Amino acid sequence: MLRTAVVGTGYLGKFHAHKYAMLPGCQLVGVADIDEDSGRVVARECATEFFGDYQQLLDKVDAVSVAVPTLLHHKISRDFLQAGVHVLVEKPITSSLNEAHELVQIARNQQLVLQVGCLERFNEALTGVGPLLNRPRFIESHRLAGFKPRSMDINVVMDLMIHDLDIILSMVNQPLVDVAANGAAVLSDSVDIAQARLTFSGGCVANVTASRISQKAKRKMHIFQENSCICIDFQSLNLSHFYKGKGEMFPGIPNIDCDALNYKDSDSLRREIEDFLNCVRHSKTPRVSGEDGQRALELATRISDIIEGDIQ
């Protein structure tokens, strides 16, 4: 029985708490938040204890989810890791690369699990892509969402684009040789819409677009490779694989066949937390490790710096 806790009971934190409360094999010892009203509501819903100070939980738990504003990720995660507690921290892993490096080193030295909450990696539509990949040559992704004031502590690159950066880095697994980017601040004081072009040493190019000021939500990725194209719709949980078939549609032009799958399980957060707890129990490397989070943050920071430099 793993003793668990959640620090931060805002939009994401409350969902973390509910998952821990319903999963077998773990006990939700408590939730912590500086907002007592919010914290007590979630504690009551999950039949657990409320703590006004997360440090009261350091010696009471084996594993914790950290779902607080990004500026606090480093301090709170470090305190738990130094206390010997396994940590699942929401993305981005920290506000700076130095902070991310420190967390990764502490986790490594303490032999603890440090997992980063890049939720889209647990989307069922993505899980079917691996066997289809064959040296991607061109990737195009669009992640568009409406304006949500709760994410204003970070720009759209750190808020939304980082999901696709993490996925693309895991797929291509080649050194980056060039990064170009542009964007604009529209409704907030930071970048609200951004586009980046990534060029990898093996020749793969990825165009990545993210917006948090769109009227219509969209979360899609297209992966083009020799003889096939893979289309992922993260929102509708659809995966389509188009490839050369037998025969010709026109002289010299092959028929195109398509295998299409629609997945039903949309509870990515449950799978993410189950993966975290499984890694804690069996000392395994999580699907999105601290090193993965650090690598995604490094690229997101590079893109942000390019855009913000142009805006100034």
C-alpha atoms as a PDB file:
ATOM      1  CA  MET A   1       0.000   0.000   0.000  1.00  0.00           C
ATOM      2  CA  LEU A   2       1.676   3.207  -1.207  1.00  0.00           C
ATOM      3  CA  ARG A   3       1.030   6.354   0.801  1.00  0.00           C
ATOM      4  CA  THR A   4       0.316   9.222  -1.593  1.00  0.00           C
ATOM      5  CA  ALA A   5      -0.491  12.925  -1.512  1.00  0.00           C
ATOM      6  CA  VAL A   6      -1.231  15.832  -3.831  1.00  0.00           C
ATOM      7  CA  VAL A   7       0.196  19.332  -3.432  1.00  0.00           C
ATOM      8  CA  GLY A   8      -2.015  21.880  -5.184  1.00  0.00           C
ATOM      9  CA  THR A   9      -5.768  21.428  -5.457  1.00  0.00           C
ATOM     10  CA  GLY A  10      -6.484  23.680  -8.425  1.00  0.00           C
ATOM     11  CA  TYR A  11      -7.812  22.548 -11.797  1.00  0.00           C
ATOM     12  CA  LEU A  12      -5.310  19.704 -12.299  1.00  0.00           C
ATOM     13  CA  GLY A  13      -4.528  18.912  -8.682  1.00  0.00           C
ATOM     14  CA  LYS A  14      -8.092  18.029  -7.795  1.00  0.00           C
ATOM     15  CA  PHE A  15      -8.164  15.455 -10.603  1.00  0.00           C
ATOM     16  CA  HIS A  16      -4.897  13.947  -9.354  1.00  0.00           C
ATOM     17  CA  ALA A  17      -6.418  13.635  -5.896  1.00  0.00           C
ATOM     18  CA  HIS A  18      -9.545  11.917  -7.189  1.00  0.00           C
ATOM     19  CA  LYS A  19      -7.459   9.371  -9.139  1.00  0.00           C
ATOM     20  CA  TYR A  20      -5.303   8.476  -6.118  1.00  0.00           C
ATOM     21  CA  ALA A  21      -8.429   8.140  -3.989  1.00  0.00           C
ATOM     22  CA  MET A  22      -9.990   5.583  -6.345  1.00  0.00           C
ATOM     23  CA  LEU A  23      -6.951   3.542  -7.400  1.00  0.00           C
ATOM     24  CA  PRO A  24      -6.312   0.252  -5.564  1.00  0.00           C
ATOM     25  CA  GLY A  25      -3.027  -0.268  -3.797  1.00  0.00           C
ATOM     26  CA  CYS A  26      -2.542   3.294  -2.641  1.00  0.00           C
ATOM     27  CA  GLN A  27      -3.780   5.441   0.211  1.00  0.00           C
ATOM     28  CA  LEU A  28      -4.355   9.167  -0.320  1.00  0.00           C
ATOM     29  CA  VAL A  29      -2.910  10.460   2.947  1.00  0.00           C
ATOM     30  CA  GLY A  30      -3.790  14.073   2.238  1.00  0.00           C
ATOM     31  CA  VAL A  31      -3.894  17.110  -0.024  1.00  0.00           C
ATOM     32  CA  ALA A  32      -2.093  20.390   0.581  1.00  0.00           C
ATOM     33  CA  ASP A  33      -2.798  23.912  -0.612  1.00  0.00           C
ATOM     34  CA  ILE A  34      -2.322  27.462   0.627  1.00  0.00           C
ATOM     35  CA  ASP A  35      -5.943  28.051  -0.422  1.00  0.00           C
ATOM     36  CA  GLU A  36      -7.727  26.478   2.540  1.00  0.00           C
ATOM     37  CA  ASP A  37     -11.200  26.670   0.995  1.00  0.00           C
ATOM     38  CA  SER A  38     -10.146  24.869  -2.184  1.00  0.00           C
ATOM     39  CA  GLY A  39      -8.039  22.341  -0.288  1.00  0.00           C
ATOM     40  CA  ARG A  40     -10.739  21.422   2.183  1.00  0.00           C
ATOM     41  CA  VAL A  41     -13.308  20.920  -0.591  1.00  0.00           C
ATOM     42  CA  VAL A  42     -11.031  18.462  -2.414  1.00  0.00           C
ATOM     43  CA  ALA A  43     -10.060  16.728   0.844  1.00  0.00           C
ATOM     44  CA  ARG A  44     -13.718  16.232   1.684  1.00  0.00           C
ATOM     45  CA  GLU A  45     -14.523  14.928  -1.812  1.00  0.00           C
ATOM     46  CA  CYS A  46     -11.666  12.415  -1.563  1.00  0.00           C
ATOM     47  CA  ALA A  47     -12.268  11.450   2.072  1.00  0.00           C
ATOM     48  CA  THR A  48      -8.784  12.483   3.098  1.00  0.00           C
ATOM     49  CA  GLU A  49      -7.025  15.070   5.275  1.00  0.00           C
ATOM     50  CA  PHE A  50      -6.248  18.680   4.383  1.00  0.00           C
ATOM     51  CA  PHE A  51      -2.837  20.213   5.096  1.00  0.00           C
ATOM     52  CA  GLY A  52      -2.191  23.944   4.939  1.00  0.00           C
ATOM     53  CA  ASP A  53       1.568  23.360   4.675  1.00  0.00           C
ATOM     54  CA  TYR A  54       2.903  20.688   2.311  1.00  0.00           C
ATOM     55  CA  GLN A  55       5.973  20.195   4.510  1.00  0.00           C
ATOM     56  CA  GLN A  56       3.740  18.425   7.025  1.00  0.00           C
ATOM     57  CA  LEU A  57       3.482  15.626   4.460  1.00  0.00           C
ATOM     58  CA  LEU A  58       7.204  15.075   3.869  1.00  0.00           C
ATOM     59  CA  ASP A  59       7.530  12.195   6.353  1.00  0.00           C
ATOM     60  CA  LYS A  60       4.037  10.797   5.817  1.00  0.00           C
ATOM     61  CA  VAL A  61       4.072   9.689   2.166  1.00  0.00           C
ATOM     62  CA  ASP A  62       5.934   7.512  -0.340  1.00  0.00           C
ATOM     63  CA  ALA A  63       4.843   9.326  -3.522  1.00  0.00           C
ATOM     64  CA  VAL A  64       3.394  12.737  -4.339  1.00  0.00           C
ATOM     65  CA  SER A  65       1.898  14.695  -7.224  1.00  0.00           C
ATOM     66  CA  VAL A  66       3.020  18.316  -7.439  1.00  0.00           C
ATOM     67  CA  ALA A  67       0.360  20.358  -9.261  1.00  0.00           C
ATOM     68  CA  VAL A  68       1.139  23.930  -8.255  1.00  0.00           C
ATOM     69  CA  PRO A  69       2.083  26.983 -10.389  1.00  0.00           C
ATOM     70  CA  THR A  70       5.290  26.388 -12.365  1.00  0.00           C
ATOM     71  CA  LEU A  71       7.351  28.810 -10.289  1.00  0.00           C
ATOM     72  CA  LEU A  72       6.881  26.504  -7.270  1.00  0.00           C
ATOM     73  CA  HIS A  73       7.659  23.194  -9.018  1.00  0.00           C
ATOM     74  CA  HIS A  74      11.352  23.258  -8.153  1.00  0.00           C
ATOM     75  CA  LYS A  75      11.149  24.075  -4.455  1.00  0.00           C
ATOM     76  CA  ILE A  76       8.323  21.698  -3.608  1.00  0.00           C
ATOM     77  CA  SER A  77       9.619  18.816  -5.738  1.00  0.00           C
ATOM     78  CA  ARG A  78      13.122  19.254  -4.300  1.00  0.00           C
ATOM     79  CA  ASP A  79      11.826  19.150  -0.736  1.00  0.00           C
ATOM     80  CA  PHE A  80      10.009  15.873  -1.355  1.00  0.00           C
ATOM     81  CA  LEU A  81      12.894  14.275  -3.271  1.00  0.00           C
ATOM     82  CA  GLN A  82      15.337  15.219  -0.512  1.00  0.00           C
ATOM     83  CA  ALA A  83      12.929  13.595   1.958  1.00  0.00           C
ATOM     84  CA  GLY A  84      13.065  10.356  -0.054  1.00  0.00           C
ATOM     85  CA  VAL A  85       9.647  10.737  -1.702  1.00  0.00           C
ATOM     86  CA  HIS A  86       8.962   9.820  -5.349  1.00  0.00           C
ATOM     87  CA  VAL A  87       7.603  12.784  -7.356  1.00  0.00           C
ATOM     88  CA  LEU A  88       5.202  13.264 -10.261  1.00  0.00           C
ATOM     89  CA  VAL A  89       5.462  16.951 -11.165  1.00  0.00           C
ATOM     90  CA  GLU A  90       3.222  18.626 -13.716  1.00  0.00           C
ATOM     91  CA  LYS A  91       4.774  20.027 -16.899  1.00  0.00           C
ATOM     92  CA  PRO A  92       6.876  22.020 -17.446  1.00  0.00           C
ATOM     93  CA  ILE A  93       9.208  20.327 -14.994  1.00  0.00           C
ATOM     94  CA  THR A  94      10.509  23.661 -13.629  1.00  0.00           C
ATOM     95  CA  SER A  95      10.885  27.315 -14.609  1.00  0.00           C
ATOM     96  CA  SER A  96      14.568  27.057 -15.520  1.00  0.00           C
ATOM     97  CA  LEU A  97      17.024  24.503 -16.859  1.00  0.00           C
ATOM     98  CA  ASN A  98      19.266  24.801 -13.797  1.00  0.00           C
ATOM     99  CA  GLU A  99      16.318  23.908 -11.569  1.00  0.00           C
ATOM    100  CA  ALA A 100      15.401  20.967 -13.786  1.00  0.00           C
ATOM    101  CA  HIS A 101      18.981  19.697 -13.760  1.00  0.00           C
ATOM    102  CA  GLU A 102      19.059  19.842  -9.954  1.00  0.00           C
ATOM    103  CA  LEU A 103      15.846  17.802  -9.612  1.00  0.00           C
ATOM    104  CA  VAL A 104      17.104  15.187 -12.061  1.00  0.00           C
ATOM    105  CA  GLN A 105      20.380  14.874 -10.166  1.00  0.00           C
ATOM    106  CA  ILE A 106      18.692  14.557  -6.764  1.00  0.00           C
ATOM    107  CA  ALA A 107      16.312  11.878  -8.065  1.00  0.00           C
ATOM    108  CA  ARG A 108      19.202   9.996  -9.642  1.00  0.00           C
ATOM    109  CA  ASN A 109      21.345  10.179  -6.502  1.00  0.00           C
ATOM    110  CA  GLN A 110      18.442   9.135  -4.276  1.00  0.00           C
ATOM    111  CA  GLN A 111      17.308   6.418  -6.731  1.00  0.00           C
ATOM    112  CA  LEU A 112      13.829   7.916  -6.794  1.00  0.00           C
ATOM    113  CA  VAL A 113      11.241   8.139  -9.542  1.00  0.00           C
ATOM    114  CA  LEU A 114      10.886  11.637 -10.998  1.00  0.00           C
ATOM    115  CA  GLN A 115       8.089  11.688 -13.560  1.00  0.00           C
ATOM    116  CA  VAL A 116       6.891  14.726 -15.518  1.00  0.00           C
ATOM    117  CA  GLY A 117       3.192  15.159 -16.225  1.00  0.00           C
ATOM    118  CA  CYS A 118       3.186  15.355 -20.021  1.00  0.00           C
ATOM    119  CA  LEU A 119      -0.315  13.949 -20.144  1.00  0.00           C
ATOM    120  CA  GLU A 120      -0.570  13.573 -23.913  1.00  0.00           C
ATOM    121  CA  ARG A 121       2.032  10.776 -23.847  1.00  0.00           C
ATOM    122  CA  PHE A 122      -0.683   8.661 -22.206  1.00  0.00           C
ATOM    123  CA  ASN A 123      -3.302   9.440 -24.836  1.00  0.00           C
ATOM    124  CA  GLU A 124      -4.494   6.088 -26.192  1.00  0.00           C
ATOM    125  CA  ALA A 125      -4.341   7.283 -29.799  1.00  0.00           C
ATOM    126  CA  LEU A 126      -0.603   7.870 -29.378  1.00  0.00           C
ATOM    127  CA  THR A 127       0.073   4.426 -27.913  1.00  0.00           C
ATOM    128  CA  GLY A 128      -0.609   2.784 -31.292  1.00  0.00           C
ATOM    129  CA  VAL A 129       1.927   4.897 -33.193  1.00  0.00           C
ATOM    130  CA  GLY A 130       5.180   3.205 -32.118  1.00  0.00           C
ATOM    131  CA  PRO A 131       4.983   0.097 -34.351  1.00  0.00           C
ATOM    132  CA  LEU A 132       4.110   2.298 -37.366  1.00  0.00           C
ATOM    133  CA  LEU A 133       7.089   4.655 -37.128  1.00  0.00           C
ATOM    134  CA  ASN A 134       9.806   4.308 -39.754  1.00  0.00           C
ATOM    135  CA  ARG A 135      12.233   7.253 -39.758  1.00  0.00           C
ATOM    136  CA  PRO A 136       9.812  10.223 -39.915  1.00  0.00           C
ATOM    137  CA  ARG A 137      10.746  12.816 -42.533  1.00  0.00           C
ATOM    138  CA  PHE A 138       8.211  15.565 -41.862  1.00  0.00           C
ATOM    139  CA  ILE A 139       5.954  16.187 -38.857  1.00  0.00           C
ATOM    140  CA  GLU A 140       3.200  18.769 -38.580  1.00  0.00           C
ATOM    141  CA  SER A 141       1.319  19.425 -35.342  1.00  0.00           C
ATOM    142  CA  HIS A 142      -1.419  21.837 -34.330  1.00  0.00           C
ATOM    143  CA  ARG A 143      -2.483  22.343 -30.723  1.00  0.00           C
ATOM    144  CA  LEU A 144      -5.127  25.030 -30.415  1.00  0.00           C
ATOM    145  CA  ALA A 145      -7.232  25.931 -27.367  1.00  0.00           C
ATOM    146  CA  GLY A 146      -9.422  28.707 -26.062  1.00  0.00           C
ATOM    147  CA  PHE A 147      -8.191  31.330 -23.631  1.00  0.00           C
ATOM    148  CA  LYS A 148      -7.953  30.097 -20.019  1.00  0.00           C
ATOM    149  CA  PRO A 149      -6.771  32.615 -17.380  1.00  0.00           C
ATOM    150  CA  ARG A 150      -5.505  29.800 -15.108  1.00  0.00           C
ATOM    151  CA  SER A 151      -2.397  29.287 -17.296  1.00  0.00           C
ATOM    152  CA  MET A 152      -1.199  32.863 -17.439  1.00  0.00           C
ATOM    153  CA  ASP A 153       1.910  32.207 -15.327  1.00  0.00           C
ATOM    154  CA  ILE A 154       3.609  30.692 -18.417  1.00  0.00           C
ATOM    155  CA  ASN A 155       3.556  31.346 -22.164  1.00  0.00           C
ATOM    156  CA  VAL A 156       1.856  29.144 -24.761  1.00  0.00           C
ATOM    157  CA  VAL A 157       5.111  27.351 -25.590  1.00  0.00           C
ATOM    158  CA  MET A 158       5.435  26.121 -21.993  1.00  0.00           C
ATOM    159  CA  ASP A 159       1.688  25.663 -21.572  1.00  0.00           C
ATOM    160  CA  LEU A 160       0.649  23.828 -24.761  1.00  0.00           C
ATOM    161  CA  MET A 161       3.424  23.454 -27.329  1.00  0.00           C
ATOM    162  CA  ILE A 162       5.638  21.586 -24.862  1.00  0.00           C
ATOM    163  CA  HIS A 163       3.333  18.542 -25.195  1.00  0.00           C
ATOM    164  CA  ASP A 164       4.143  18.225 -28.887  1.00  0.00           C
ATOM    165  CA  LEU A 165       7.812  19.069 -28.407  1.00  0.00           C
ATOM    166  CA  ASP A 166       8.075  16.195 -25.921  1.00  0.00           C
ATOM    167  CA  ILE A 167       6.290  13.799 -28.291  1.00  0.00           C
ATOM    168  CA  ILE A 168       8.384  14.805 -31.317  1.00  0.00           C
ATOM    169  CA  LEU A 169      11.658  14.516 -29.391  1.00  0.00           C
ATOM    170  CA  SER A 170      10.692  11.012 -28.284  1.00  0.00           C
ATOM    171  CA  MET A 171       9.784   9.995 -31.856  1.00  0.00           C
ATOM    172  CA  VAL A 172      12.726  11.433 -33.772  1.00  0.00           C
ATOM    173  CA  ASN A 173      15.491  10.893 -31.209  1.00  0.00           C
ATOM    174  CA  GLN A 174      18.110  12.762 -33.279  1.00  0.00           C
ATOM    175  CA  PRO A 175      20.132  15.899 -32.483  1.00  0.00           C
ATOM    176  CA  LEU A 176      18.559  19.222 -33.401  1.00  0.00           C
ATOM    177  CA  VAL A 177      20.560  21.233 -35.906  1.00  0.00           C
ATOM    178  CA  ASP A 178      18.289  24.262 -36.303  1.00  0.00           C
ATOM    179  CA  VAL A 179      15.340  25.936 -34.589  1.00  0.00           C
ATOM    180  CA  ALA A 180      13.316  28.801 -36.058  1.00  0.00           C
ATOM    181  CA  ALA A 181      10.290  30.329 -34.331  1.00  0.00           C
ATOM    182  CA  ASN A 182       7.858  33.219 -34.298  1.00  0.00           C
ATOM    183  CA  GLY A 183       4.845  34.212 -32.241  1.00  0.00           C
ATOM    184  CA  ALA A 184       2.863  37.002 -30.659  1.00  0.00           C
ATOM    185  CA  ALA A 185       1.356  38.200 -27.403  1.00  0.00           C
ATOM    186  CA  VAL A 186      -2.306  38.875 -28.126  1.00  0.00           C
ATOM    187  CA  LEU A 187      -4.472  38.711 -25.002  1.00  0.00           C
ATOM    188  CA  SER A 188      -1.843  38.440 -22.287  1.00  0.00           C
ATOM    189  CA  ASP A 189       1.577  39.885 -21.526  1.00  0.00           C
ATOM    190  CA  SER A 190       3.335  36.719 -22.754  1.00  0.00           C
ATOM    191  CA  VAL A 191       3.282  34.763 -26.014  1.00  0.00           C
ATOM    192  CA  ASP A 192      -0.227  33.433 -26.777  1.00  0.00           C
ATOM    193  CA  ILE A 193       0.354  32.001 -30.248  1.00  0.00           C
ATOM    194  CA  ALA A 194       3.572  30.436 -31.499  1.00  0.00           C
ATOM    195  CA  GLN A 195       5.005  28.480 -34.402  1.00  0.00           C
ATOM    196  CA  ALA A 196       8.345  26.666 -34.506  1.00  0.00           C
ATOM    197  CA  ARG A 197      10.268  24.828 -37.219  1.00  0.00           C
ATOM    198  CA  LEU A 198      12.650  22.139 -35.974  1.00  0.00           C
ATOM    199  CA  THR A 199      15.323  20.559 -38.159  1.00  0.00           C
ATOM    200  CA  PHE A 200      17.012  17.341 -37.023  1.00  0.00           C
ATOM    201  CA  SER A 201      20.384  15.935 -38.063  1.00  0.00           C
ATOM    202  CA  GLY A 202      18.804  12.991 -39.889  1.00  0.00           C
ATOM    203  CA  GLY A 203      16.835  15.337 -42.125  1.00  0.00           C
ATOM    204  CA  CYS A 204      13.475  15.243 -40.351  1.00  0.00           C
ATOM    205  CA  VAL A 205      11.685  18.603 -40.148  1.00  0.00           C
ATOM    206  CA  ALA A 206       8.828  19.383 -37.741  1.00  0.00           C
ATOM    207  CA  ASN A 207       6.456  22.343 -37.928  1.00  0.00           C
ATOM    208  CA  VAL A 208       4.785  22.919 -34.564  1.00  0.00           C
ATOM    209  CA  THR A 209       1.937  25.377 -33.945  1.00  0.00           C
ATOM    210  CA  ALA A 210       0.293  26.227 -30.620  1.00  0.00           C
ATOM    211  CA  SER A 211      -2.366  28.759 -29.723  1.00  0.00           C
ATOM    212  CA  ARG A 212      -4.367  29.499 -26.579  1.00  0.00           C
ATOM    213  CA  ILE A 213      -6.577  32.127 -28.199  1.00  0.00           C
ATOM    214  CA  SER A 214      -8.446  29.961 -30.685  1.00  0.00           C
ATOM    215  CA  GLN A 215     -12.217  29.721 -30.942  1.00  0.00           C
ATOM    216  CA  LYS A 216     -12.087  26.031 -31.794  1.00  0.00           C
ATOM    217  CA  ALA A 217      -9.968  23.415 -30.026  1.00  0.00           C
ATOM    218  CA  LYS A 218      -7.668  21.231 -32.122  1.00  0.00           C
ATOM    219  CA  ARG A 219      -5.001  18.666 -31.160  1.00  0.00           C
ATOM    220  CA  LYS A 220      -3.647  16.898 -34.224  1.00  0.00           C
ATOM    221  CA  MET A 221      -0.324  15.604 -35.501  1.00  0.00           C
ATOM    222  CA  HIS A 222       0.634  14.276 -38.950  1.00  0.00           C
ATOM    223  CA  ILE A 223       3.794  12.200 -39.421  1.00  0.00           C
ATOM    224  CA  PHE A 224       5.048  11.719 -42.974  1.00  0.00           C
ATOM    225  CA  GLN A 225       7.588   9.008 -43.752  1.00  0.00           C
ATOM    226  CA  GLU A 226       8.602   6.795 -46.646  1.00  0.00           C
ATOM    227  CA  ASN A 227       5.524   5.116 -48.135  1.00  0.00           C
ATOM    228  CA  SER A 228       3.111   6.214 -45.391  1.00  0.00           C
ATOM    229  CA  CYS A 229       1.479   8.964 -43.332  1.00  0.00           C
ATOM    230  CA  ILE A 230       0.294   8.643 -39.726  1.00  0.00           C
ATOM    231  CA  CYS A 231      -2.480  10.968 -38.508  1.00  0.00           C
ATOM    232  CA  ILE A 232      -3.201  11.347 -34.788  1.00  0.00           C
ATOM    233  CA  ASP A 233      -6.245  13.171 -33.461  1.00  0.00           C
ATOM    234  CA  PHE A 234      -5.601  13.460 -29.730  1.00  0.00           C
ATOM    235  CA  GLN A 235      -9.012  15.002 -29.134  1.00  0.00           C
ATOM    236  CA  SER A 236     -11.233  12.424 -30.830  1.00  0.00           C
ATOM    237  CA  LEU A 237      -8.813   9.538 -30.023  1.00  0.00           C
ATOM    238  CA  ASN A 238      -8.483   8.606 -33.698  1.00  0.00           C
ATOM    239  CA  LEU A 239      -5.380   7.077 -35.310  1.00  0.00           C
ATOM    240  CA  SER A 240      -5.181   6.712 -39.100  1.00  0.00           C
ATOM    241  CA  HIS A 241      -2.367   5.115 -41.068  1.00  0.00           C
ATOM    242  CA  PHE A 242      -2.285   5.802 -44.826  1.00  0.00           C
ATOM    243  CA  TYR A 243       0.127   3.726 -46.903  1.00  0.00           C
ATOM    244  CA  LYS A 244       0.833   2.459 -50.421  1.00  0.00           C
ATOM    245  CA  GLY A 245      -1.542  -0.327 -51.358  1.00  0.00           C
ATOM    246  CA  LYS A 246      -1.699  -2.841 -54.159  1.00  0.00           C
ATOM    247  CA  GLY A 247      -2.611  -1.732 -57.646  1.00  0.00           C
ATOM    248  CA  GLU A 248      -2.692   1.770 -59.107  1.00  0.00           C
ATOM    249  CA  MET A 249      -5.219   4.588 -58.944  1.00  0.00           C
ATOM    250  CA  PHE A 250      -3.534   6.177 -61.972  1.00  0.00           C
ATOM    251  CA  PRO A 251      -0.692   4.903 -64.170  1.00  0.00           C
ATOM    252  CA  GLY A 252       2.431   4.964 -62.013  1.00  0.00           C
ATOM    253  CA  ILE A 253       0.483   6.162 -58.933  1.00  0.00           C
ATOM    254  CA  PRO A 254      -0.243   3.434 -56.326  1.00  0.00           C
ATOM    255  CA  ASN A 255      -3.509   2.997 -54.512  1.00  0.00           C
ATOM    256  CA  ILE A 256      -3.618   4.337 -50.964  1.00  0.00           C
ATOM    257  CA  ASP A 257      -4.887   2.050 -48.231  1.00  0.00           C
ATOM    258  CA  CYS A 258      -5.871   3.202 -44.753  1.00  0.00           C
ATOM    259  CA  ASP A 259      -6.058   1.493 -41.380  1.00  0.00           C
ATOM    260  CA  ALA A 260      -8.160   3.552 -38.970  1.00  0.00           C
ATOM    261  CA  LEU A 261      -8.613   3.002 -35.252  1.00  0.00           C
ATOM    262  CA  ASN A 262     -10.793   4.805 -32.753  1.00  0.00           C
ATOM    263  CA  TYR A 263      -9.866   4.415 -29.098  1.00  0.00           C
ATOM    264  CA  LYS A 264     -12.449   4.665 -26.321  1.00  0.00           C
ATOM    265  CA  ASP A 265     -10.525   5.209 -23.074  1.00  0.00           C
ATOM    266  CA  SER A 266     -10.020   8.948 -22.625  1.00  0.00           C
ATOM    267  CA  ASP A 267      -8.733   8.763 -19.036  1.00  0.00           C
ATOM    268  CA  SER A 268      -5.100   9.640 -19.761  1.00  0.00           C
ATOM    269  CA  LEU A 269      -4.555  10.948 -16.248  1.00  0.00           C
ATOM    270  CA  ARG A 270      -5.466   7.620 -14.679  1.00  0.00           C
ATOM    271  CA  ARG A 271      -2.974   5.854 -16.942  1.00  0.00           C
ATOM    272  CA  GLU A 272      -0.315   8.434 -16.146  1.00  0.00           C
ATOM    273  CA  ILE A 273      -0.728   7.995 -12.396  1.00  0.00           C
ATOM    274  CA  GLU A 274      -0.894   4.211 -12.726  1.00  0.00           C
ATOM    275  CA  ASP A 275       2.394   4.326 -14.636  1.00  0.00           C
ATOM    276  CA  PHE A 276       3.923   6.509 -11.912  1.00  0.00           C
ATOM    277  CA  LEU A 277       2.837   4.151  -9.124  1.00  0.00           C
ATOM    278  CA  ASN A 278       3.984   1.097 -11.084  1.00  0.00           C
ATOM    279  CA  CYS A 279       7.421   2.679 -11.571  1.00  0.00           C
ATOM    280  CA  VAL A 280       7.604   3.446  -7.841  1.00  0.00           C
ATOM    281  CA  ARG A 281       6.712  -0.131  -6.906  1.00  0.00           C
ATOM    282  CA  HIS A 282       9.108  -1.791  -9.344  1.00  0.00           C
ATOM    283  CA  SER A 283      11.913   0.810  -9.573  1.00  0.00           C
ATOM    284  CA  LYS A 284      11.250   1.359 -13.280  1.00  0.00           C
ATOM    285  CA  THR A 285      11.930   4.360 -15.512  1.00  0.00           C
ATOM    286  CA  PRO A 286       8.700   6.286 -16.213  1.00  0.00           C
ATOM    287  CA  ARG A 287       7.426   6.906 -19.719  1.00  0.00           C
ATOM    288  CA  VAL A 288       8.158  10.621 -19.234  1.00  0.00           C
ATOM    289  CA  SER A 289      11.229  10.800 -17.024  1.00  0.00           C
ATOM    290  CA  GLY A 290      12.833  13.824 -15.420  1.00  0.00           C
ATOM    291  CA  GLU A 291      15.423  13.717 -18.207  1.00  0.00           C
ATOM    292  CA  ASP A 292      12.618  13.809 -20.802  1.00  0.00           C
ATOM    293  CA  GLY A 293      11.062  16.769 -19.021  1.00  0.00           C
ATOM    294  CA  GLN A 294      14.409  18.541 -18.926  1.00  0.00           C
ATOM    295  CA  ARG A 295      14.949  17.969 -22.648  1.00  0.00           C
ATOM    296  CA  ALA A 296      11.471  19.293 -23.528  1.00  0.00           C
ATOM    297  CA  LEU A 297      12.029  22.321 -21.280  1.00  0.00           C
ATOM    298  CA  GLU A 298      15.372  23.036 -22.967  1.00  0.00           C
ATOM    299  CA  LEU A 299      13.732  23.136 -26.407  1.00  0.00           C
ATOM    300  CA  ALA A 300      10.720  25.112 -25.156  1.00  0.00           C
ATOM    301  CA  THR A 301      13.080  27.645 -23.562  1.00  0.00           C
ATOM    302  CA  ARG A 302      15.051  27.969 -26.795  1.00  0.00           C
ATOM    303  CA  ILE A 303      11.856  28.608 -28.778  1.00  0.00           C
ATOM    304  CA  SER A 304      10.558  31.076 -26.184  1.00  0.00           C
ATOM    305  CA  ASP A 305      13.837  33.008 -26.217  1.00  0.00           C
ATOM    306  CA  ILE A 306      13.762  33.320 -30.014  1.00  0.00           C
ATOM    307  CA  ILE A 307      10.163  34.591 -30.039  1.00  0.00           C
ATOM    308  CA  GLU A 308      10.534  36.973 -27.105  1.00  0.00           C
ATOM    309  CA  GLY A 309      13.732  38.363 -28.624  1.00  0.00           C
ATOM    310  CA  ASP A 310      11.873  39.134 -31.852  1.00  0.00           C
ATOM    311  CA  ILE A 311       8.947  40.730 -29.983  1.00  0.00           C
ATOM    312  CA  GLN A 312      11.266  43.059 -28.071  1.00  0.00           C
END
